[in-house]
């Protein structure tokens, strides 16, 4: 593709192709970006030949990107020309000090970032899914990609209720149940989304491009999915339940991955304090729409009673439709009799709602 053809593409970011920071990929949105060695720079370089504030990448009011040297000692080069201020297009190569950068299009930057964050072969040795480290890398990538287009991004944290108590009563329980729970939860999310082991007894799910209602339904399914794994504790077949915290936000320049994690963990704590086996969620005002005020698309459990959902600062709609639960999974080493008798519903009103659905 010629340089003239490439000038029609939108600038999406830059990649360091040569130098001490080789491999660094930086997405660009509407904000000006300063590159240099100084701590306060938007992109901090390790290159000792770069100035403290070396160059500026910034868009004009028509969306065209310009490269401007900030009075650097060793200069800034576009191709083989030293420049003061020049427009840049995808494919352009920028040199400063010992560092060589390449300007990427929007499609190239998205493909590059996603390849980098899904390529790692390291998996959690127990749950056999993505590790927290890789998950947070992917989350930071998606937050950066959502910023320019205002995409909806949700994070669900799934914390197993009374996990430590069950482990104390039946040692080895967690090692047995985590792979089965990971398998069930992985079947709830979509192919382009990501599930990871987040802590000793918790999981996290990254939900992409789902409106708040769909993200809520997915969180409910994550919550109810765990209870179809049962363990034998003192001769009793006990379902595993979970407290789920959901944070939904809209891509914006000041949104960070750490903020989203903190919100989701805070909601998981509220769900746990409410008695567990429920979903608590937070929705940013920019992404807020009407949501169901009562969770009725899942079945209650014998251990915790009727399911419930906490919804903070949202309007309400009628109850959702009933969904069929997945089959019960029994963990090796637990009660294998399979004779559970008829399920009893401790909440007659919820049973009537399901019958009408």
Protein backbone atom coordinates (compact mmCIF):
# COMPACT_ATOMS: atom_id res chain seq x y z
CA UNK A 1 0.00 0.00 0.00
CA UNK A 2 1.43 3.42 -0.99
CA UNK A 3 1.98 6.26 1.46
CA UNK A 4 -0.83 8.20 -0.24
CA UNK A 5 -3.25 5.30 0.26
CA UNK A 6 -2.15 4.91 3.88
CA UNK A 7 -2.87 8.58 4.55
CA UNK A 8 -6.57 7.72 4.31
CA UNK A 9 -6.30 5.32 7.28
CA UNK A 10 -6.76 6.47 10.88
CA UNK A 11 -3.73 6.47 13.16
CA UNK A 12 -4.27 3.92 15.94
CA UNK A 13 -0.98 3.85 17.84
CA UNK A 14 2.76 3.31 17.75
CA UNK A 15 5.07 0.35 18.28
CA UNK A 16 8.75 0.46 19.22
CA UNK A 17 10.49 -1.70 16.61
CA UNK A 18 14.10 -1.02 17.62
CA UNK A 19 15.90 0.16 20.76
CA UNK A 20 15.86 -0.48 24.54
CA UNK A 21 12.04 -0.34 24.61
CA UNK A 22 11.62 -2.69 21.65
CA UNK A 23 8.19 -4.36 21.60
CA UNK A 24 6.36 -1.59 23.46
CA UNK A 25 2.90 -0.99 21.91
CA UNK A 26 1.00 2.23 22.71
CA UNK A 27 -2.59 2.89 21.51
CA UNK A 28 -3.49 6.52 20.73
CA UNK A 29 -6.86 8.19 21.29
CA UNK A 30 -7.72 11.90 21.02
CA UNK A 31 -5.16 12.95 23.63
CA UNK A 32 -1.75 14.44 22.84
CA UNK A 33 1.06 12.03 23.85
CA UNK A 34 4.49 13.17 25.05
CA UNK A 35 7.37 10.68 24.69
CA UNK A 36 10.61 10.97 26.66
CA UNK A 37 12.64 9.82 29.66
CA UNK A 38 10.89 12.05 32.20
CA UNK A 39 8.59 10.37 34.73
CA UNK A 40 5.64 12.62 33.82
CA UNK A 41 5.68 11.70 30.12
CA UNK A 42 2.67 9.85 28.72
CA UNK A 43 5.08 7.27 27.22
CA UNK A 44 8.24 6.92 29.27
CA UNK A 45 11.27 5.62 27.35
CA UNK A 46 14.33 3.88 28.79
CA UNK A 47 16.55 4.99 25.89
CA UNK A 48 19.40 7.10 27.43
CA UNK A 49 19.83 8.97 24.11
CA UNK A 50 16.25 10.29 24.29
CA UNK A 51 15.60 13.69 25.90
CA UNK A 52 13.52 14.04 29.05
CA UNK A 53 10.63 15.43 26.95
CA UNK A 54 11.58 14.44 23.43
CA UNK A 55 8.58 14.60 21.11
CA UNK A 56 4.85 15.18 20.98
CA UNK A 57 2.23 13.21 19.01
CA UNK A 58 -1.06 15.10 18.82
CA UNK A 59 -4.18 15.29 16.62
CA UNK A 60 -5.58 18.49 15.16
CA UNK A 61 -9.29 19.40 15.12
CA UNK A 62 -9.72 17.41 11.89
CA UNK A 63 -8.30 14.18 13.33
CA UNK A 64 -4.95 14.35 11.53
CA UNK A 65 -1.93 13.43 13.64
CA UNK A 66 1.21 15.54 13.84
CA UNK A 67 4.69 14.81 15.16
CA UNK A 68 6.51 17.68 16.89
CA UNK A 69 10.05 17.75 18.28
CA UNK A 70 10.16 19.37 21.74
CA UNK A 71 13.64 20.83 21.45
CA UNK A 72 15.42 17.50 21.93
CA UNK A 73 19.24 17.27 22.04
CA UNK A 74 19.60 14.54 19.38
CA UNK A 75 16.62 15.49 17.21
CA UNK A 76 13.59 13.65 15.86
CA UNK A 77 13.61 12.03 12.43
CA UNK A 78 10.71 11.07 10.18
CA UNK A 79 12.26 8.54 7.85
CA UNK A 80 15.72 10.00 7.19
CA UNK A 81 14.70 13.66 7.60
CA UNK A 82 15.14 15.64 10.80
CA UNK A 83 11.88 17.42 11.49
CA UNK A 84 10.39 20.10 13.71
CA UNK A 85 6.70 19.45 13.03
CA UNK A 86 5.26 17.09 10.41
CA UNK A 87 2.01 15.17 9.80
CA UNK A 88 2.23 11.38 10.25
CA UNK A 89 0.23 8.51 8.74
CA UNK A 90 0.17 4.74 9.38
CA UNK A 91 3.38 3.15 8.19
CA UNK A 92 5.58 6.16 9.00
CA UNK A 93 8.84 5.46 10.85
CA UNK A 94 10.09 7.81 13.57
CA UNK A 95 13.63 7.78 14.97
CA UNK A 96 14.90 9.36 18.18
CA UNK A 97 18.13 8.50 19.93
CA UNK A 98 18.58 4.73 19.67
CA UNK A 99 14.84 4.16 19.30
CA UNK A 100 12.86 3.54 16.10
CA UNK A 101 9.04 3.73 16.16
CA UNK A 102 6.44 2.73 13.59
CA UNK A 103 3.01 4.34 13.31
CA UNK A 104 0.15 1.79 13.16
CA UNK A 105 -3.39 2.04 11.84
CA UNK A 106 -6.41 1.38 14.08
CA UNK A 107 -6.76 -2.18 12.74
CA UNK A 108 -3.04 -2.86 13.19
CA UNK A 109 -2.93 -1.59 16.77
CA UNK A 110 -5.94 -3.67 17.82
CA UNK A 111 -4.55 -6.81 16.20
CA UNK A 112 -1.11 -6.23 17.72
CA UNK A 113 -2.40 -5.68 21.24
CA UNK A 114 -4.74 -8.67 21.20
CA UNK A 115 -2.04 -10.99 19.84
CA UNK A 116 0.34 -9.90 22.59
CA UNK A 117 -2.15 -10.48 25.40
CA UNK A 118 -3.57 -13.82 24.24
CA UNK A 119 -0.29 -15.41 23.17
CA UNK A 120 1.04 -16.43 26.58
CA UNK A 121 1.09 -20.19 27.22
CA UNK A 122 1.20 -19.84 31.01
CA UNK A 123 -1.95 -21.20 32.65
CA UNK A 124 -3.05 -21.58 36.23
CA UNK A 125 -1.83 -25.06 37.26
CA UNK A 126 -4.99 -25.91 39.25
CA UNK A 127 -7.91 -24.36 37.35
CA UNK A 128 -6.19 -24.73 33.94
CA UNK A 129 -7.32 -21.30 32.77
CA UNK A 130 -5.73 -17.87 32.35
CA UNK A 131 -3.63 -16.48 35.22
CA UNK A 132 -4.41 -13.17 36.94
CA UNK A 133 -1.25 -11.60 35.48
CA UNK A 134 -2.30 -12.31 31.88
CA UNK A 135 -5.89 -11.33 32.67
CA UNK A 136 -4.84 -7.89 33.90
CA UNK A 137 -2.70 -7.41 30.78
CA UNK A 138 -5.72 -8.17 28.58
CA UNK A 139 -7.94 -5.92 30.73
CA UNK A 140 -5.56 -2.98 30.33
CA UNK A 141 -5.51 -3.61 26.58
CA UNK A 142 -9.30 -3.64 26.28
CA UNK A 143 -9.69 -0.52 28.44
CA UNK A 144 -7.28 1.26 26.11
CA UNK A 145 -9.12 0.06 23.01
CA UNK A 146 -12.53 1.02 24.42
CA UNK A 147 -11.48 4.61 25.21
CA UNK A 148 -11.64 6.12 21.68
CA UNK A 149 -14.91 4.46 20.65
CA UNK A 150 -16.72 4.51 24.01
CA UNK A 151 -17.26 0.75 24.06
CA UNK A 152 -18.97 -0.94 27.00
CA UNK A 153 -16.65 -3.02 29.18
CA UNK A 154 -17.64 -5.10 32.22
CA UNK A 155 -15.67 -7.00 34.82
CA UNK A 156 -17.23 -9.73 36.98
CA UNK A 157 -15.42 -11.10 40.04
CA UNK A 158 -16.74 -14.50 41.23
CA UNK A 159 -15.82 -15.34 44.84
CA UNK A 160 -16.74 -18.81 46.14
CA UNK A 161 -18.82 -18.63 49.32
CA UNK A 162 -17.43 -20.31 52.47
CA UNK A 163 -14.56 -21.79 50.49
CA UNK A 164 -12.16 -21.74 53.43
CA UNK A 165 -14.78 -23.31 55.69
CA UNK A 166 -15.41 -26.12 53.21
CA UNK A 167 -11.67 -26.63 52.75
CA UNK A 168 -11.20 -26.89 56.52
CA UNK A 169 -14.01 -29.45 56.82
CA UNK A 170 -12.93 -31.44 53.76
CA UNK A 171 -9.23 -30.84 52.91
CA UNK A 172 -8.52 -30.85 49.18
CA UNK A 173 -11.97 -29.58 48.24
CA UNK A 174 -10.74 -26.52 46.37
CA UNK A 175 -8.21 -28.45 44.29
CA UNK A 176 -11.00 -30.80 43.21
CA UNK A 177 -13.70 -28.21 42.49
CA UNK A 178 -11.75 -25.39 40.83
CA UNK A 179 -11.22 -27.15 37.45
CA UNK A 180 -14.92 -28.13 37.27
CA UNK A 181 -16.09 -24.63 38.18
CA UNK A 182 -13.70 -23.11 35.64
CA UNK A 183 -15.17 -25.41 32.98
CA UNK A 184 -18.72 -24.34 33.82
CA UNK A 185 -17.93 -20.62 33.99
CA UNK A 186 -15.98 -20.79 30.74
CA UNK A 187 -19.12 -22.03 29.00
CA UNK A 188 -21.06 -18.93 30.09
CA UNK A 189 -18.84 -16.28 28.51
CA UNK A 190 -18.37 -15.65 24.79
CA UNK A 191 -15.40 -16.72 22.70
CA UNK A 192 -13.78 -13.27 22.54
CA UNK A 193 -14.06 -12.80 26.32
CA UNK A 194 -11.71 -14.07 29.02
CA UNK A 195 -11.98 -16.06 32.26
CA UNK A 196 -9.13 -16.22 34.77
CA UNK A 197 -8.35 -17.50 38.22
CA UNK A 198 -8.18 -14.28 40.23
CA UNK A 199 -7.37 -15.50 43.73
CA UNK A 200 -7.18 -18.67 45.83
CA UNK A 201 -10.97 -19.05 45.73
CA UNK A 202 -12.10 -16.55 43.10
CA UNK A 203 -12.40 -16.06 39.34
CA UNK A 204 -12.70 -13.00 37.11
CA UNK A 205 -14.49 -12.66 33.77
CA UNK A 206 -13.89 -9.90 31.22
CA UNK A 207 -17.13 -9.16 29.34
CA UNK A 208 -16.80 -7.16 26.13
CA UNK A 209 -19.27 -5.10 24.10
CA UNK A 210 -22.23 -6.31 26.14
CA UNK A 211 -24.82 -3.72 27.09
CA UNK A 212 -25.45 -3.50 30.87
CA UNK A 213 -28.49 -5.79 30.72
CA UNK A 214 -26.60 -8.58 28.94
CA UNK A 215 -23.63 -8.15 31.28
CA UNK A 216 -26.02 -8.50 34.22
CA UNK A 217 -27.55 -11.68 32.80
CA UNK A 218 -24.05 -13.10 32.22
CA UNK A 219 -23.09 -12.28 35.82
CA UNK A 220 -26.21 -14.07 37.06
CA UNK A 221 -25.29 -17.13 35.01
CA UNK A 222 -21.76 -17.04 36.41
CA UNK A 223 -23.27 -16.93 39.89
CA UNK A 224 -25.70 -19.78 39.42
CA UNK A 225 -23.21 -21.86 37.42
CA UNK A 226 -21.09 -22.67 40.46
CA UNK A 227 -23.91 -24.27 42.45
CA UNK A 228 -24.16 -27.22 40.07
CA UNK A 229 -20.82 -28.43 41.43
CA UNK A 230 -21.36 -30.34 44.66
CA UNK A 231 -18.99 -31.67 47.28
CA UNK A 232 -19.47 -34.23 49.99
CA UNK A 233 -19.02 -32.66 53.44
CA UNK A 234 -19.71 -34.95 56.38
CA UNK A 235 -21.95 -37.17 54.28
CA UNK A 236 -23.95 -34.18 52.97
CA UNK A 237 -23.96 -33.17 49.30
CA UNK A 238 -23.32 -29.42 49.41
CA UNK A 239 -23.61 -27.09 46.37
CA UNK A 240 -20.88 -24.51 45.82
CA UNK A 241 -22.29 -20.98 45.70
CA UNK A 242 -20.65 -17.70 44.88
CA UNK A 243 -20.81 -13.96 45.50
CA UNK A 244 -20.42 -12.01 42.26
CA UNK A 245 -19.38 -8.38 41.92
CA UNK A 246 -20.03 -6.74 38.55
CA UNK A 247 -18.68 -3.38 37.39
CA UNK A 248 -19.84 -1.97 34.04
CA UNK A 249 -18.32 1.14 32.52
CA UNK A 250 -18.04 2.93 29.21
CA UNK A 251 -14.72 3.51 27.48
CA UNK A 252 -13.39 6.96 28.34
CA UNK A 253 -10.03 8.65 28.62
CA UNK A 254 -9.84 8.63 32.42
CA UNK A 255 -10.93 5.00 32.90
CA UNK A 256 -8.24 2.63 34.17
CA UNK A 257 -8.08 -1.14 34.60
CA UNK A 258 -7.28 -0.70 38.31
CA UNK A 259 -10.45 1.36 38.80
CA UNK A 260 -12.58 -1.32 37.17
CA UNK A 261 -10.98 -4.05 39.32
CA UNK A 262 -11.53 -2.01 42.49
CA UNK A 263 -15.20 -1.46 41.61
CA UNK A 264 -15.81 -5.16 40.90
CA UNK A 265 -14.05 -6.27 44.11
CA UNK A 266 -16.10 -3.76 46.10
CA UNK A 267 -19.32 -5.15 44.65
CA UNK A 268 -18.22 -8.72 45.40
CA UNK A 269 -17.70 -7.67 49.00
CA UNK A 270 -21.24 -6.21 49.12
CA UNK A 271 -22.64 -9.45 47.67
CA UNK A 272 -20.79 -11.44 50.33
CA UNK A 273 -22.05 -9.16 53.11
CA UNK A 274 -25.61 -9.61 51.81
CA UNK A 275 -25.33 -13.34 52.52
CA UNK A 276 -23.64 -14.62 49.38
CA UNK A 277 -25.10 -16.52 46.43
CA UNK A 278 -26.06 -13.25 44.75
CA UNK A 279 -24.88 -10.55 42.37
CA UNK A 280 -24.09 -6.97 43.37
CA UNK A 281 -23.21 -4.54 40.65
CA UNK A 282 -22.24 -1.00 39.83
CA UNK A 283 -22.95 0.75 36.53
CA UNK A 284 -21.29 4.02 35.50
CA UNK A 285 -23.78 6.79 34.76
CA UNK A 286 -22.61 6.97 31.13
CA UNK A 287 -23.52 3.31 30.55
CA UNK A 288 -26.66 3.15 32.68
CA UNK A 289 -29.95 1.83 31.33
CA UNK A 290 -32.97 0.25 33.01
CA UNK A 291 -32.18 -3.11 34.60
CA UNK A 292 -34.21 -5.80 36.41
CA UNK A 293 -34.54 -5.09 40.12
CA UNK A 294 -35.16 -8.74 41.08
CA UNK A 295 -33.19 -11.77 39.98
CA UNK A 296 -35.66 -14.41 38.83
CA UNK A 297 -33.84 -16.14 35.98
CA UNK A 298 -32.01 -18.55 38.30
CA UNK A 299 -33.09 -21.19 40.78
CA UNK A 300 -32.61 -20.92 44.55
CA UNK A 301 -30.40 -23.41 46.37
CA UNK A 302 -31.05 -25.48 49.47
CA UNK A 303 -27.99 -24.02 51.17
CA UNK A 304 -28.63 -20.32 50.79
CA UNK A 305 -32.33 -19.89 50.09
CA UNK A 306 -33.76 -17.63 47.35
CA UNK A 307 -31.28 -15.91 45.05
CA UNK A 308 -31.12 -12.14 45.19
CA UNK A 309 -29.47 -9.31 43.31
CA UNK A 310 -28.34 -5.93 44.58
CA UNK A 311 -28.61 -3.15 42.04
CA UNK A 312 -27.10 0.22 42.89
CA UNK A 313 -28.50 3.46 41.47
CA UNK A 314 -30.45 1.97 38.59
CA UNK A 315 -34.09 1.97 37.53
CA UNK A 316 -36.06 -1.27 37.46
CA UNK A 317 -37.95 -3.37 34.97
CA UNK A 318 -40.02 -6.50 35.34
CA UNK A 319 -38.46 -9.88 36.18
CA UNK A 320 -36.40 -11.72 33.59
CA UNK A 321 -37.42 -15.05 32.09
CA UNK A 322 -36.51 -18.33 33.67
CA UNK A 323 -33.52 -20.20 32.23
CA UNK A 324 -32.80 -23.89 32.54
CA UNK A 325 -29.82 -24.83 34.77
CA UNK A 326 -26.91 -26.91 33.47
CA UNK A 327 -26.57 -30.51 34.69
CA UNK A 328 -25.13 -31.19 38.13
CA UNK A 329 -21.42 -32.01 38.15
CA UNK A 330 -20.10 -34.29 40.86
CA UNK A 331 -16.49 -34.01 41.87
CA UNK A 332 -14.44 -37.24 42.15
CA UNK A 333 -14.15 -38.29 45.75
CA UNK A 334 -17.55 -36.87 46.73
CA UNK A 335 -20.90 -38.58 47.33
CA UNK A 336 -21.70 -40.57 44.15
CA UNK A 337 -25.11 -41.92 45.11
CA UNK A 338 -26.90 -39.46 42.83
CA UNK A 339 -30.11 -39.83 44.87
CA UNK A 340 -31.09 -36.30 45.78
CA UNK A 341 -34.86 -36.68 45.74
CA UNK A 342 -37.12 -33.87 44.58
CA UNK A 343 -35.78 -30.28 44.70
CA UNK A 344 -37.70 -28.12 47.15
CA UNK A 345 -38.20 -24.43 46.51
CA UNK A 346 -38.04 -22.34 49.70
CA UNK A 347 -39.63 -19.38 47.88
CA UNK A 348 -43.15 -20.23 46.59
CA UNK A 349 -43.53 -16.83 44.93
CA UNK A 350 -40.40 -17.35 42.81
CA UNK A 351 -41.72 -20.80 41.83
CA UNK A 352 -44.97 -19.21 40.61
CA UNK A 353 -43.00 -16.68 38.59
CA UNK A 354 -41.01 -19.45 36.93
CA UNK A 355 -44.18 -21.45 36.20
CA UNK A 356 -45.67 -18.40 34.46
CA UNK A 357 -42.43 -17.93 32.43
